[in-house]
């Protein structure tokens, strides 16, 4: 699989670390992507299939990386995990952004949570 990051980095000094995650090898994949010392990383469903204790450890690690200045773009269906590590939320449905706001605003918006985040 090839991921084109030229549109993100074009005309800037931004170093992108692209990480496609979703299996039990999530920690190894994330560690490998950080070896290049990127300023941004994309995590796609990093908590999927992991034990809750591992998810909590991953959340702590992501928070530490953010505190060191790493930008994290997270695609995640686990709302609890996303709340632990995210500053902002975007809800995308059929390719369109349906909601944008802080995690606190999302937590307070029962209508949006009911419409998009309940089964």
PDB file of N, CA and C in Angstrom:
ATOM      1  N   UNK A   1       0.842  -1.175   0.000  1.00  0.00           N
ATOM      2  CA  UNK A   1       0.000   0.000   0.000  1.00  0.00           C
ATOM      3  C   UNK A   1       0.883   1.233   0.000  1.00  0.00           C
ATOM      4  N   UNK A   2       0.593   2.189  -0.862  1.00  0.00           N
ATOM      5  CA  UNK A   2       1.360   3.419  -0.942  1.00  0.00           C
ATOM      6  C   UNK A   2       0.494   4.563  -0.451  1.00  0.00           C
ATOM      7  N   UNK A   3       1.051   5.416   0.397  1.00  0.00           N
ATOM      8  CA  UNK A   3       0.341   6.582   0.902  1.00  0.00           C
ATOM      9  C   UNK A   3       1.077   7.814   0.424  1.00  0.00           C
ATOM     10  N   UNK A   4       0.391   8.692  -0.294  1.00  0.00           N
ATOM     11  CA  UNK A   4       0.988   9.912  -0.811  1.00  0.00           C
ATOM     12  C   UNK A   4       0.802  11.029   0.204  1.00  0.00           C
ATOM     13  N   UNK A   5       1.898  11.520   0.734  1.00  0.00           N
ATOM     14  CA  UNK A   5       1.832  12.606   1.717  1.00  0.00           C
ATOM     15  C   UNK A   5       2.275  13.937   1.126  1.00  0.00           C
ATOM     16  N   UNK A   6       2.480  14.015  -0.183  1.00  0.00           N
ATOM     17  CA  UNK A   6       3.010  15.232  -0.788  1.00  0.00           C
ATOM     18  C   UNK A   6       2.103  16.437  -0.586  1.00  0.00           C
ATOM     19  N   UNK A   7       0.788  16.228  -0.580  1.00  0.00           N
ATOM     20  CA  UNK A   7      -0.127  17.353  -0.395  1.00  0.00           C
ATOM     21  C   UNK A   7      -0.026  17.923   1.008  1.00  0.00           C
ATOM     22  N   UNK A   8       0.290  17.104   1.967  1.00  0.00           N
ATOM     23  CA  UNK A   8       0.415  17.583   3.338  1.00  0.00           C
ATOM     24  C   UNK A   8       1.712  18.349   3.522  1.00  0.00           C
ATOM     25  N   UNK A   9       2.789  17.824   2.970  1.00  0.00           N
ATOM     26  CA  UNK A   9       4.091  18.398   3.234  1.00  0.00           C
ATOM     27  C   UNK A   9       4.537  19.420   2.193  1.00  0.00           C
ATOM     28  N   UNK A  10       3.827  19.572   1.099  1.00  0.00           N
ATOM     29  CA  UNK A  10       4.242  20.443   0.015  1.00  0.00           C
ATOM     30  C   UNK A  10       4.415  21.874   0.498  1.00  0.00           C
ATOM     31  N   UNK A  11       5.566  22.450   0.201  1.00  0.00           N
ATOM     32  CA  UNK A  11       5.812  23.842   0.542  1.00  0.00           C
ATOM     33  C   UNK A  11       6.059  24.076   2.025  1.00  0.00           C
ATOM     34  N   UNK A  12       6.308  23.035   2.784  1.00  0.00           N
ATOM     35  CA  UNK A  12       6.562  23.210   4.207  1.00  0.00           C
ATOM     36  C   UNK A  12       7.697  22.310   4.635  1.00  0.00           C
ATOM     37  N   UNK A  13       8.109  22.491   5.871  1.00  0.00           N
ATOM     38  CA  UNK A  13       9.160  21.642   6.415  1.00  0.00           C
ATOM     39  C   UNK A  13       8.570  20.544   7.283  1.00  0.00           C
ATOM     40  N   UNK A  14       7.255  20.346   7.203  1.00  0.00           N
ATOM     41  CA  UNK A  14       6.569  19.336   7.995  1.00  0.00           C
ATOM     42  C   UNK A  14       7.055  17.950   7.609  1.00  0.00           C
ATOM     43  N   UNK A  15       7.446  17.197   8.616  1.00  0.00           N
ATOM     44  CA  UNK A  15       7.818  15.803   8.396  1.00  0.00           C
ATOM     45  C   UNK A  15       6.646  14.953   8.839  1.00  0.00           C
ATOM     46  N   UNK A  16       6.143  14.123   7.944  1.00  0.00           N
ATOM     47  CA  UNK A  16       4.966  13.309   8.250  1.00  0.00           C
ATOM     48  C   UNK A  16       5.369  11.878   8.531  1.00  0.00           C
ATOM     49  N   UNK A  17       4.790  11.327   9.575  1.00  0.00           N
ATOM     50  CA  UNK A  17       4.930   9.909   9.847  1.00  0.00           C
ATOM     51  C   UNK A  17       3.562   9.300   9.627  1.00  0.00           C
ATOM     52  N   UNK A  18       3.410   8.442   8.667  1.00  0.00           N
ATOM     53  CA  UNK A  18       2.124   7.843   8.367  1.00  0.00           C
ATOM     54  C   UNK A  18       2.105   6.445   8.962  1.00  0.00           C
ATOM     55  N   UNK A  19       1.067   6.147   9.678  1.00  0.00           N
ATOM     56  CA  UNK A  19       0.983   4.881  10.387  1.00  0.00           C
ATOM     57  C   UNK A  19      -0.406   4.302  10.187  1.00  0.00           C
ATOM     58  N   UNK A  20      -0.499   3.172   9.550  1.00  0.00           N
ATOM     59  CA  UNK A  20      -1.772   2.495   9.364  1.00  0.00           C
ATOM     60  C   UNK A  20      -1.795   1.347  10.361  1.00  0.00           C
ATOM     61  N   UNK A  21      -2.713   1.450  11.333  1.00  0.00           N
ATOM     62  CA  UNK A  21      -2.726   0.529  12.458  1.00  0.00           C
ATOM     63  C   UNK A  21      -4.076  -0.143  12.544  1.00  0.00           C
ATOM     64  N   UNK A  22      -4.166  -1.280  13.164  1.00  0.00           N
ATOM     65  CA  UNK A  22      -5.446  -1.915  13.380  1.00  0.00           C
ATOM     66  C   UNK A  22      -5.326  -3.341  13.859  1.00  0.00           C
ATOM     67  N   UNK A  23      -4.114  -3.786  14.096  1.00  0.00           N
ATOM     68  CA  UNK A  23      -3.940  -5.171  14.535  1.00  0.00           C
ATOM     69  C   UNK A  23      -3.203  -5.198  15.861  1.00  0.00           C
ATOM     70  N   UNK A  24      -2.891  -6.376  16.330  1.00  0.00           N
ATOM     71  CA  UNK A  24      -2.155  -6.529  17.571  1.00  0.00           C
ATOM     72  C   UNK A  24      -0.744  -5.996  17.503  1.00  0.00           C
ATOM     73  N   UNK A  25      -0.256  -5.704  16.328  1.00  0.00           N
ATOM     74  CA  UNK A  25       1.084  -5.157  16.157  1.00  0.00           C
ATOM     75  C   UNK A  25       1.075  -3.632  16.212  1.00  0.00           C
ATOM     76  N   UNK A  26       0.022  -3.055  16.771  1.00  0.00           N
ATOM     77  CA  UNK A  26      -0.134  -1.600  16.777  1.00  0.00           C
ATOM     78  C   UNK A  26       1.047  -0.897  17.424  1.00  0.00           C
ATOM     79  N   UNK A  27       1.478  -1.387  18.567  1.00  0.00           N
ATOM     80  CA  UNK A  27       2.585  -0.731  19.265  1.00  0.00           C
ATOM     81  C   UNK A  27       3.858  -0.736  18.451  1.00  0.00           C
ATOM     82  N   UNK A  28       4.156  -1.850  17.801  1.00  0.00           N
ATOM     83  CA  UNK A  28       5.354  -1.947  16.972  1.00  0.00           C
ATOM     84  C   UNK A  28       5.237  -1.011  15.780  1.00  0.00           C
ATOM     85  N   UNK A  29       4.073  -0.967  15.179  1.00  0.00           N
ATOM     86  CA  UNK A  29       3.859  -0.095  14.019  1.00  0.00           C
ATOM     87  C   UNK A  29       4.033   1.363  14.402  1.00  0.00           C
ATOM     88  N   UNK A  30       3.471   1.751  15.530  1.00  0.00           N
ATOM     89  CA  UNK A  30       3.612   3.132  15.986  1.00  0.00           C
ATOM     90  C   UNK A  30       5.081   3.442  16.280  1.00  0.00           C
ATOM     91  N   UNK A  31       5.761   2.543  16.974  1.00  0.00           N
ATOM     92  CA  UNK A  31       7.177   2.759  17.292  1.00  0.00           C
ATOM     93  C   UNK A  31       8.016   2.914  16.026  1.00  0.00           C
ATOM     94  N   UNK A  32       7.755   2.076  15.037  1.00  0.00           N
ATOM     95  CA  UNK A  32       8.504   2.172  13.766  1.00  0.00           C
ATOM     96  C   UNK A  32       8.261   3.506  13.090  1.00  0.00           C
ATOM     97  N   UNK A  33       7.016   3.993  13.124  1.00  0.00           N
ATOM     98  CA  UNK A  33       6.724   5.260  12.462  1.00  0.00           C
ATOM     99  C   UNK A  33       7.372   6.428  13.190  1.00  0.00           C
ATOM    100  N   UNK A  34       7.628   6.291  14.473  1.00  0.00           N
ATOM    101  CA  UNK A  34       8.245   7.371  15.243  1.00  0.00           C
ATOM    102  C   UNK A  34       9.766   7.415  15.089  1.00  0.00           C
ATOM    103  N   UNK A  35      10.351   6.375  14.529  1.00  0.00           N
ATOM    104  CA  UNK A  35      11.804   6.327  14.376  1.00  0.00           C
ATOM    105  C   UNK A  35      12.329   7.455  13.495  1.00  0.00           C
ATOM    106  N   UNK A  36      11.506   7.932  12.578  1.00  0.00           N
ATOM    107  CA  UNK A  36      11.918   9.021  11.703  1.00  0.00           C
ATOM    108  C   UNK A  36      11.739  10.394  12.319  1.00  0.00           C
ATOM    109  N   UNK A  37      11.353  10.447  13.593  1.00  0.00           N
ATOM    110  CA  UNK A  37      11.140  11.702  14.302  1.00  0.00           C
ATOM    111  C   UNK A  37      10.190  12.639  13.550  1.00  0.00           C
ATOM    112  N   UNK A  38       8.978  12.155  13.220  1.00  0.00           N
ATOM    113  CA  UNK A  38       8.027  12.995  12.475  1.00  0.00           C
ATOM    114  C   UNK A  38       7.443  14.088  13.368  1.00  0.00           C
ATOM    115  N   UNK A  39       6.886  15.112  12.752  1.00  0.00           N
ATOM    116  CA  UNK A  39       6.176  16.140  13.521  1.00  0.00           C
ATOM    117  C   UNK A  39       4.680  15.851  13.548  1.00  0.00           C
ATOM    118  N   UNK A  40       4.245  14.874  12.733  1.00  0.00           N
ATOM    119  CA  UNK A  40       2.836  14.479  12.693  1.00  0.00           C
ATOM    120  C   UNK A  40       2.734  12.978  12.439  1.00  0.00           C
ATOM    121  N   UNK A  41       1.706  12.366  13.041  1.00  0.00           N
ATOM    122  CA  UNK A  41       1.469  10.942  12.810  1.00  0.00           C
ATOM    123  C   UNK A  41      -0.033  10.713  12.658  1.00  0.00           C
ATOM    124  N   UNK A  42      -0.399   9.829  11.748  1.00  0.00           N
ATOM    125  CA  UNK A  42      -1.787   9.437  11.528  1.00  0.00           C
ATOM    126  C   UNK A  42      -1.985   8.046  12.120  1.00  0.00           C
ATOM    127  N   UNK A  43      -2.940   7.934  13.038  1.00  0.00           N
ATOM    128  CA  UNK A  43      -3.253   6.646  13.648  1.00  0.00           C
ATOM    129  C   UNK A  43      -4.660   6.252  13.234  1.00  0.00           C
ATOM    130  N   UNK A  44      -4.777   5.123  12.568  1.00  0.00           N
ATOM    131  CA  UNK A  44      -6.066   4.637  12.093  1.00  0.00           C
ATOM    132  C   UNK A  44      -6.516   3.483  12.978  1.00  0.00           C
ATOM    133  N   UNK A  45      -7.479   3.733  13.852  1.00  0.00           N
ATOM    134  CA  UNK A  45      -8.056   2.733  14.752  1.00  0.00           C
ATOM    135  C   UNK A  45      -6.991   2.012  15.582  1.00  0.00           C
ATOM    136  N   UNK A  46      -6.133   2.751  16.275  1.00  0.00           N
ATOM    137  CA  UNK A  46      -5.056   2.078  17.010  1.00  0.00           C
ATOM    138  C   UNK A  46      -5.537   1.214  18.171  1.00  0.00           C
ATOM    139  N   UNK A  47      -6.736   1.449  18.689  1.00  0.00           N
ATOM    140  CA  UNK A  47      -7.210   0.668  19.834  1.00  0.00           C
ATOM    141  C   UNK A  47      -7.957  -0.601  19.430  1.00  0.00           C
ATOM    142  N   UNK A  48      -8.193  -0.767  18.146  1.00  0.00           N
ATOM    143  CA  UNK A  48      -8.990  -1.904  17.676  1.00  0.00           C
ATOM    144  C   UNK A  48      -8.359  -3.240  18.045  1.00  0.00           C
ATOM    145  N   UNK A  49      -9.134  -4.076  18.718  1.00  0.00           N
ATOM    146  CA  UNK A  49      -8.707  -5.418  19.040  1.00  0.00           C
ATOM    147  C   UNK A  49      -7.744  -5.537  20.205  1.00  0.00           C
ATOM    148  N   UNK A  50      -7.464  -4.451  20.891  1.00  0.00           N
ATOM    149  CA  UNK A  50      -6.512  -4.490  21.994  1.00  0.00           C
ATOM    150  C   UNK A  50      -7.223  -4.632  23.335  1.00  0.00           C
ATOM    151  N   UNK A  51      -6.557  -5.246  24.271  1.00  0.00           N
ATOM    152  CA  UNK A  51      -7.080  -5.381  25.629  1.00  0.00           C
ATOM    153  C   UNK A  51      -7.186  -3.992  26.265  1.00  0.00           C
ATOM    154  N   UNK A  52      -8.179  -3.786  27.121  1.00  0.00           N
ATOM    155  CA  UNK A  52      -8.371  -2.469  27.741  1.00  0.00           C
ATOM    156  C   UNK A  52      -7.122  -1.914  28.433  1.00  0.00           C
ATOM    157  N   UNK A  53      -6.338  -2.760  29.081  1.00  0.00           N
ATOM    158  CA  UNK A  53      -5.143  -2.271  29.763  1.00  0.00           C
ATOM    159  C   UNK A  53      -4.115  -1.752  28.751  1.00  0.00           C
ATOM    160  N   UNK A  54      -4.046  -2.381  27.593  1.00  0.00           N
ATOM    161  CA  UNK A  54      -3.131  -1.936  26.534  1.00  0.00           C
ATOM    162  C   UNK A  54      -3.633  -0.626  25.936  1.00  0.00           C
ATOM    163  N   UNK A  55      -4.940  -0.499  25.775  1.00  0.00           N
ATOM    164  CA  UNK A  55      -5.522   0.738  25.248  1.00  0.00           C
ATOM    165  C   UNK A  55      -5.194   1.904  26.179  1.00  0.00           C
ATOM    166  N   UNK A  56      -5.292   1.697  27.478  1.00  0.00           N
ATOM    167  CA  UNK A  56      -4.962   2.749  28.452  1.00  0.00           C
ATOM    168  C   UNK A  56      -3.483   3.127  28.360  1.00  0.00           C
ATOM    169  N   UNK A  57      -2.609   2.128  28.214  1.00  0.00           N
ATOM    170  CA  UNK A  57      -1.178   2.396  28.079  1.00  0.00           C
ATOM    171  C   UNK A  57      -0.897   3.176  26.792  1.00  0.00           C
ATOM    172  N   UNK A  58      -1.588   2.795  25.714  1.00  0.00           N
ATOM    173  CA  UNK A  58      -1.413   3.502  24.450  1.00  0.00           C
ATOM    174  C   UNK A  58      -1.880   4.957  24.578  1.00  0.00           C
ATOM    175  N   UNK A  59      -2.987   5.156  25.270  1.00  0.00           N
ATOM    176  CA  UNK A  59      -3.492   6.522  25.482  1.00  0.00           C
ATOM    177  C   UNK A  59      -2.464   7.353  26.241  1.00  0.00           C
ATOM    178  N   UNK A  60      -1.864   6.778  27.263  1.00  0.00           N
ATOM    179  CA  UNK A  60      -0.835   7.498  28.025  1.00  0.00           C
ATOM    180  C   UNK A  60       0.349   7.866  27.138  1.00  0.00           C
ATOM    181  N   UNK A  61       0.760   6.937  26.296  1.00  0.00           N
ATOM    182  CA  UNK A  61       1.884   7.181  25.390  1.00  0.00           C
ATOM    183  C   UNK A  61       1.542   8.284  24.391  1.00  0.00           C
ATOM    184  N   UNK A  62       0.342   8.238  23.841  1.00  0.00           N
ATOM    185  CA  UNK A  62      -0.061   9.268  22.874  1.00  0.00           C
ATOM    186  C   UNK A  62      -0.098  10.644  23.553  1.00  0.00           C
ATOM    187  N   UNK A  63      -0.619  10.702  24.762  1.00  0.00           N
ATOM    188  CA  UNK A  63      -0.635  11.987  25.492  1.00  0.00           C
ATOM    189  C   UNK A  63       0.784  12.498  25.732  1.00  0.00           C
ATOM    190  N   UNK A  64       1.701  11.605  26.080  1.00  0.00           N
ATOM    191  CA  UNK A  64       3.097  12.005  26.285  1.00  0.00           C
ATOM    192  C   UNK A  64       3.708  12.544  24.989  1.00  0.00           C
ATOM    193  N   UNK A  65       3.437  11.861  23.878  1.00  0.00           N
ATOM    194  CA  UNK A  65       3.964  12.312  22.583  1.00  0.00           C
ATOM    195  C   UNK A  65       3.404  13.675  22.205  1.00  0.00           C
ATOM    196  N   UNK A  66       2.122  13.882  22.468  1.00  0.00           N
ATOM    197  CA  UNK A  66       1.516  15.190  22.196  1.00  0.00           C
ATOM    198  C   UNK A  66       2.164  16.273  23.055  1.00  0.00           C
ATOM    199  N   UNK A  67       2.451  15.955  24.302  1.00  0.00           N
ATOM    200  CA  UNK A  67       3.088  16.920  25.208  1.00  0.00           C
ATOM    201  C   UNK A  67       4.486  17.305  24.723  1.00  0.00           C
ATOM    202  N   UNK A  68       5.125  16.397  23.976  1.00  0.00           N
ATOM    203  CA  UNK A  68       6.444  16.673  23.410  1.00  0.00           C
ATOM    204  C   UNK A  68       6.353  17.423  22.082  1.00  0.00           C
ATOM    205  N   UNK A  69       5.134  17.705  21.606  1.00  0.00           N
ATOM    206  CA  UNK A  69       4.964  18.492  20.400  1.00  0.00           C
ATOM    207  C   UNK A  69       4.546  17.723  19.167  1.00  0.00           C
ATOM    208  N   UNK A  70       4.339  16.418  19.271  1.00  0.00           N
ATOM    209  CA  UNK A  70       3.906  15.633  18.117  1.00  0.00           C
ATOM    210  C   UNK A  70       2.426  15.889  17.835  1.00  0.00           C
ATOM    211  N   UNK A  71       2.090  16.143  16.598  1.00  0.00           N
ATOM    212  CA  UNK A  71       0.701  16.280  16.182  1.00  0.00           C
ATOM    213  C   UNK A  71       0.169  14.891  15.852  1.00  0.00           C
ATOM    214  N   UNK A  72      -1.017  14.566  16.387  1.00  0.00           N
ATOM    215  CA  UNK A  72      -1.617  13.256  16.167  1.00  0.00           C
ATOM    216  C   UNK A  72      -2.959  13.442  15.487  1.00  0.00           C
ATOM    217  N   UNK A  73      -3.130  12.821  14.330  1.00  0.00           N
ATOM    218  CA  UNK A  73      -4.412  12.771  13.640  1.00  0.00           C
ATOM    219  C   UNK A  73      -4.942  11.369  13.846  1.00  0.00           C
ATOM    220  N   UNK A  74      -6.082  11.264  14.527  1.00  0.00           N
ATOM    221  CA  UNK A  74      -6.613   9.980  14.966  1.00  0.00           C
ATOM    222  C   UNK A  74      -7.932   9.684  14.279  1.00  0.00           C
ATOM    223  N   UNK A  75      -8.044   8.503  13.701  1.00  0.00           N
ATOM    224  CA  UNK A  75      -9.310   7.990  13.184  1.00  0.00           C
ATOM    225  C   UNK A  75      -9.696   6.855  14.113  1.00  0.00           C
ATOM    226  N   UNK A  76     -10.799   7.022  14.849  1.00  0.00           N
ATOM    227  CA  UNK A  76     -11.108   6.075  15.912  1.00  0.00           C
ATOM    228  C   UNK A  76     -12.607   5.972  16.136  1.00  0.00           C
ATOM    229  N   UNK A  77     -13.093   4.734  16.346  1.00  0.00           N
ATOM    230  CA  UNK A  77     -14.500   4.519  16.669  1.00  0.00           C
ATOM    231  C   UNK A  77     -14.716   4.357  18.169  1.00  0.00           C
ATOM    232  N   UNK A  78     -13.669   4.124  18.922  1.00  0.00           N
ATOM    233  CA  UNK A  78     -13.760   3.957  20.363  1.00  0.00           C
ATOM    234  C   UNK A  78     -13.796   5.358  20.992  1.00  0.00           C
ATOM    235  N   UNK A  79     -14.995   5.814  21.345  1.00  0.00           N
ATOM    236  CA  UNK A  79     -15.169   7.174  21.862  1.00  0.00           C
ATOM    237  C   UNK A  79     -14.399   7.387  23.158  1.00  0.00           C
ATOM    238  N   UNK A  80     -14.381   6.392  24.027  1.00  0.00           N
ATOM    239  CA  UNK A  80     -13.645   6.541  25.289  1.00  0.00           C
ATOM    240  C   UNK A  80     -12.165   6.801  25.017  1.00  0.00           C
ATOM    241  N   UNK A  81     -11.571   6.003  24.138  1.00  0.00           N
ATOM    242  CA  UNK A  81     -10.161   6.177  23.792  1.00  0.00           C
ATOM    243  C   UNK A  81      -9.929   7.541  23.143  1.00  0.00           C
ATOM    244  N   UNK A  82     -10.782   7.900  22.197  1.00  0.00           N
ATOM    245  CA  UNK A  82     -10.646   9.187  21.517  1.00  0.00           C
ATOM    246  C   UNK A  82     -10.729  10.344  22.512  1.00  0.00           C
ATOM    247  N   UNK A  83     -11.611  10.219  23.491  1.00  0.00           N
ATOM    248  CA  UNK A  83     -11.761  11.264  24.505  1.00  0.00           C
ATOM    249  C   UNK A  83     -10.492  11.390  25.345  1.00  0.00           C
ATOM    250  N   UNK A  84      -9.829  10.276  25.602  1.00  0.00           N
ATOM    251  CA  UNK A  84      -8.614  10.307  26.414  1.00  0.00           C
ATOM    252  C   UNK A  84      -7.465  11.044  25.737  1.00  0.00           C
ATOM    253  N   UNK A  85      -7.404  10.993  24.415  1.00  0.00           N
ATOM    254  CA  UNK A  85      -6.213  11.509  23.717  1.00  0.00           C
ATOM    255  C   UNK A  85      -6.474  12.697  22.789  1.00  0.00           C
ATOM    256  N   UNK A  86      -7.733  13.042  22.558  1.00  0.00           N
ATOM    257  CA  UNK A  86      -8.047  14.043  21.533  1.00  0.00           C
ATOM    258  C   UNK A  86      -8.417  15.396  22.116  1.00  0.00           C
ATOM    259  N   UNK A  87      -8.087  16.420  21.365  1.00  0.00           N
ATOM    260  CA  UNK A  87      -8.491  17.781  21.711  1.00  0.00           C
ATOM    261  C   UNK A  87      -9.754  18.174  20.960  1.00  0.00           C
ATOM    262  N   UNK A  88      -9.845  17.738  19.716  1.00  0.00           N
ATOM    263  CA  UNK A  88     -10.974  18.098  18.854  1.00  0.00           C
ATOM    264  C   UNK A  88     -11.559  16.848  18.216  1.00  0.00           C
ATOM    265  N   UNK A  89     -12.823  16.956  17.817  1.00  0.00           N
ATOM    266  CA  UNK A  89     -13.516  15.842  17.163  1.00  0.00           C
ATOM    267  C   UNK A  89     -14.136  16.308  15.857  1.00  0.00           C
ATOM    268  N   UNK A  90     -14.060  15.448  14.878  1.00  0.00           N
ATOM    269  CA  UNK A  90     -14.760  15.634  13.613  1.00  0.00           C
ATOM    270  C   UNK A  90     -15.526  14.351  13.371  1.00  0.00           C
ATOM    271  N   UNK A  91     -16.800  14.459  13.085  1.00  0.00           N
ATOM    272  CA  UNK A  91     -17.600  13.290  12.732  1.00  0.00           C
ATOM    273  C   UNK A  91     -17.832  13.355  11.231  1.00  0.00           C
ATOM    274  N   UNK A  92     -17.419  12.306  10.547  1.00  0.00           N
ATOM    275  CA  UNK A  92     -17.521  12.253   9.094  1.00  0.00           C
ATOM    276  C   UNK A  92     -18.520  11.166   8.723  1.00  0.00           C
ATOM    277  N   UNK A  93     -19.483  11.522   7.887  1.00  0.00           N
ATOM    278  CA  UNK A  93     -20.479  10.575   7.398  1.00  0.00           C
ATOM    279  C   UNK A  93     -20.554  10.705   5.888  1.00  0.00           C
ATOM    280  N   UNK A  94     -20.372   9.604   5.195  1.00  0.00           N
ATOM    281  CA  UNK A  94     -20.430   9.567   3.736  1.00  0.00           C
ATOM    282  C   UNK A  94     -19.531  10.631   3.102  1.00  0.00           C
ATOM    283  N   UNK A  95     -18.327  10.781   3.674  1.00  0.00           N
ATOM    284  CA  UNK A  95     -17.342  11.692   3.115  1.00  0.00           C
ATOM    285  C   UNK A  95     -17.524  13.157   3.452  1.00  0.00           C
ATOM    286  N   UNK A  96     -18.494  13.485   4.281  1.00  0.00           N
ATOM    287  CA  UNK A  96     -18.743  14.879   4.654  1.00  0.00           C
ATOM    288  C   UNK A  96     -18.596  15.066   6.155  1.00  0.00           C
ATOM    289  N   UNK A  97     -18.017  16.193   6.530  1.00  0.00           N
ATOM    290  CA  UNK A  97     -17.907  16.517   7.948  1.00  0.00           C
ATOM    291  C   UNK A  97     -19.277  16.944   8.437  1.00  0.00           C
ATOM    292  N   UNK A  98     -19.817  16.183   9.391  1.00  0.00           N
ATOM    293  CA  UNK A  98     -21.152  16.450   9.942  1.00  0.00           C
ATOM    294  C   UNK A  98     -21.087  17.171  11.273  1.00  0.00           C
ATOM    295  N   UNK A  99     -19.941  17.088  11.953  1.00  0.00           N
ATOM    296  CA  UNK A  99     -19.779  17.756  13.235  1.00  0.00           C
ATOM    297  C   UNK A  99     -18.310  18.089  13.423  1.00  0.00           C
ATOM    298  N   UNK A 100     -18.052  19.250  14.038  1.00  0.00           N
ATOM    299  CA  UNK A 100     -16.698  19.672  14.372  1.00  0.00           C
ATOM    300  C   UNK A 100     -16.760  20.430  15.682  1.00  0.00           C
ATOM    301  N   UNK A 101     -15.895  20.083  16.614  1.00  0.00           N
ATOM    302  CA  UNK A 101     -15.854  20.793  17.884  1.00  0.00           C
ATOM    303  C   UNK A 101     -14.835  20.173  18.816  1.00  0.00           C
ATOM    304  N   UNK A 102     -14.719  20.740  20.006  1.00  0.00           N
ATOM    305  CA  UNK A 102     -13.810  20.177  20.997  1.00  0.00           C
ATOM    306  C   UNK A 102     -14.417  18.905  21.562  1.00  0.00           C
ATOM    307  N   UNK A 103     -13.620  18.130  22.232  1.00  0.00           N
ATOM    308  CA  UNK A 103     -14.134  16.911  22.862  1.00  0.00           C
ATOM    309  C   UNK A 103     -15.143  17.264  23.951  1.00  0.00           C
ATOM    310  N   UNK A 104     -14.913  18.350  24.661  1.00  0.00           N
ATOM    311  CA  UNK A 104     -15.866  18.790  25.691  1.00  0.00           C
ATOM    312  C   UNK A 104     -17.196  19.191  25.066  1.00  0.00           C
ATOM    313  N   UNK A 105     -17.140  19.872  23.932  1.00  0.00           N
ATOM    314  CA  UNK A 105     -18.378  20.256  23.240  1.00  0.00           C
ATOM    315  C   UNK A 105     -19.130  19.014  22.752  1.00  0.00           C
ATOM    316  N   UNK A 106     -18.402  18.042  22.256  1.00  0.00           N
ATOM    317  CA  UNK A 106     -19.036  16.806  21.806  1.00  0.00           C
ATOM    318  C   UNK A 106     -19.690  16.086  22.983  1.00  0.00           C
ATOM    319  N   UNK A 107     -19.000  16.019  24.104  1.00  0.00           N
ATOM    320  CA  UNK A 107     -19.550  15.357  25.288  1.00  0.00           C
ATOM    321  C   UNK A 107     -20.832  16.041  25.758  1.00  0.00           C
ATOM    322  N   UNK A 108     -20.918  17.346  25.569  1.00  0.00           N
ATOM    323  CA  UNK A 108     -22.085  18.100  26.023  1.00  0.00           C
ATOM    324  C   UNK A 108     -23.228  18.104  25.011  1.00  0.00           C
ATOM    325  N   UNK A 109     -22.974  17.666  23.791  1.00  0.00           N
ATOM    326  CA  UNK A 109     -23.978  17.735  22.730  1.00  0.00           C
ATOM    327  C   UNK A 109     -24.687  16.384  22.581  1.00  0.00           C
ATOM    328  N   UNK A 110     -25.756  16.203  23.344  1.00  0.00           N
ATOM    329  CA  UNK A 110     -26.488  14.936  23.341  1.00  0.00           C
ATOM    330  C   UNK A 110     -27.093  14.628  21.972  1.00  0.00           C
ATOM    331  N   UNK A 111     -27.554  15.646  21.277  1.00  0.00           N
ATOM    332  CA  UNK A 111     -28.178  15.442  19.962  1.00  0.00           C
ATOM    333  C   UNK A 111     -27.186  14.836  18.968  1.00  0.00           C
ATOM    334  N   UNK A 112     -25.985  15.370  18.918  1.00  0.00           N
ATOM    335  CA  UNK A 112     -24.971  14.854  18.002  1.00  0.00           C
ATOM    336  C   UNK A 112     -24.544  13.452  18.423  1.00  0.00           C
ATOM    337  N   UNK A 113     -24.312  13.252  19.705  1.00  0.00           N
ATOM    338  CA  UNK A 113     -23.925  11.916  20.180  1.00  0.00           C
ATOM    339  C   UNK A 113     -24.992  10.885  19.831  1.00  0.00           C
ATOM    340  N   UNK A 114     -26.245  11.238  20.033  1.00  0.00           N
ATOM    341  CA  UNK A 114     -27.349  10.309  19.725  1.00  0.00           C
ATOM    342  C   UNK A 114     -27.429  10.023  18.213  1.00  0.00           C
ATOM    343  N   UNK A 115     -27.274  11.065  17.422  1.00  0.00           N
ATOM    344  CA  UNK A 115     -27.417  10.909  15.976  1.00  0.00           C
ATOM    345  C   UNK A 115     -26.269  10.112  15.343  1.00  0.00           C
ATOM    346  N   UNK A 116     -25.044  10.270  15.867  1.00  0.00           N
ATOM    347  CA  UNK A 116     -23.895   9.687  15.182  1.00  0.00           C
ATOM    348  C   UNK A 116     -23.102   8.658  15.993  1.00  0.00           C
ATOM    349  N   UNK A 117     -23.239   8.636  17.302  1.00  0.00           N
ATOM    350  CA  UNK A 117     -22.342   7.818  18.101  1.00  0.00           C
ATOM    351  C   UNK A 117     -23.015   6.697  18.890  1.00  0.00           C
ATOM    352  N   UNK A 118     -24.299   6.486  18.683  1.00  0.00           N
ATOM    353  CA  UNK A 118     -24.966   5.377  19.366  1.00  0.00           C
ATOM    354  C   UNK A 118     -25.333   4.302  18.370  1.00  0.00           C
ATOM    355  N   UNK A 119     -25.445   3.103  18.866  1.00  0.00           N
ATOM    356  CA  UNK A 119     -25.785   1.964  18.006  1.00  0.00           C
ATOM    357  C   UNK A 119     -27.264   1.653  18.168  1.00  0.00           C
TER     358      UNK A 119
END
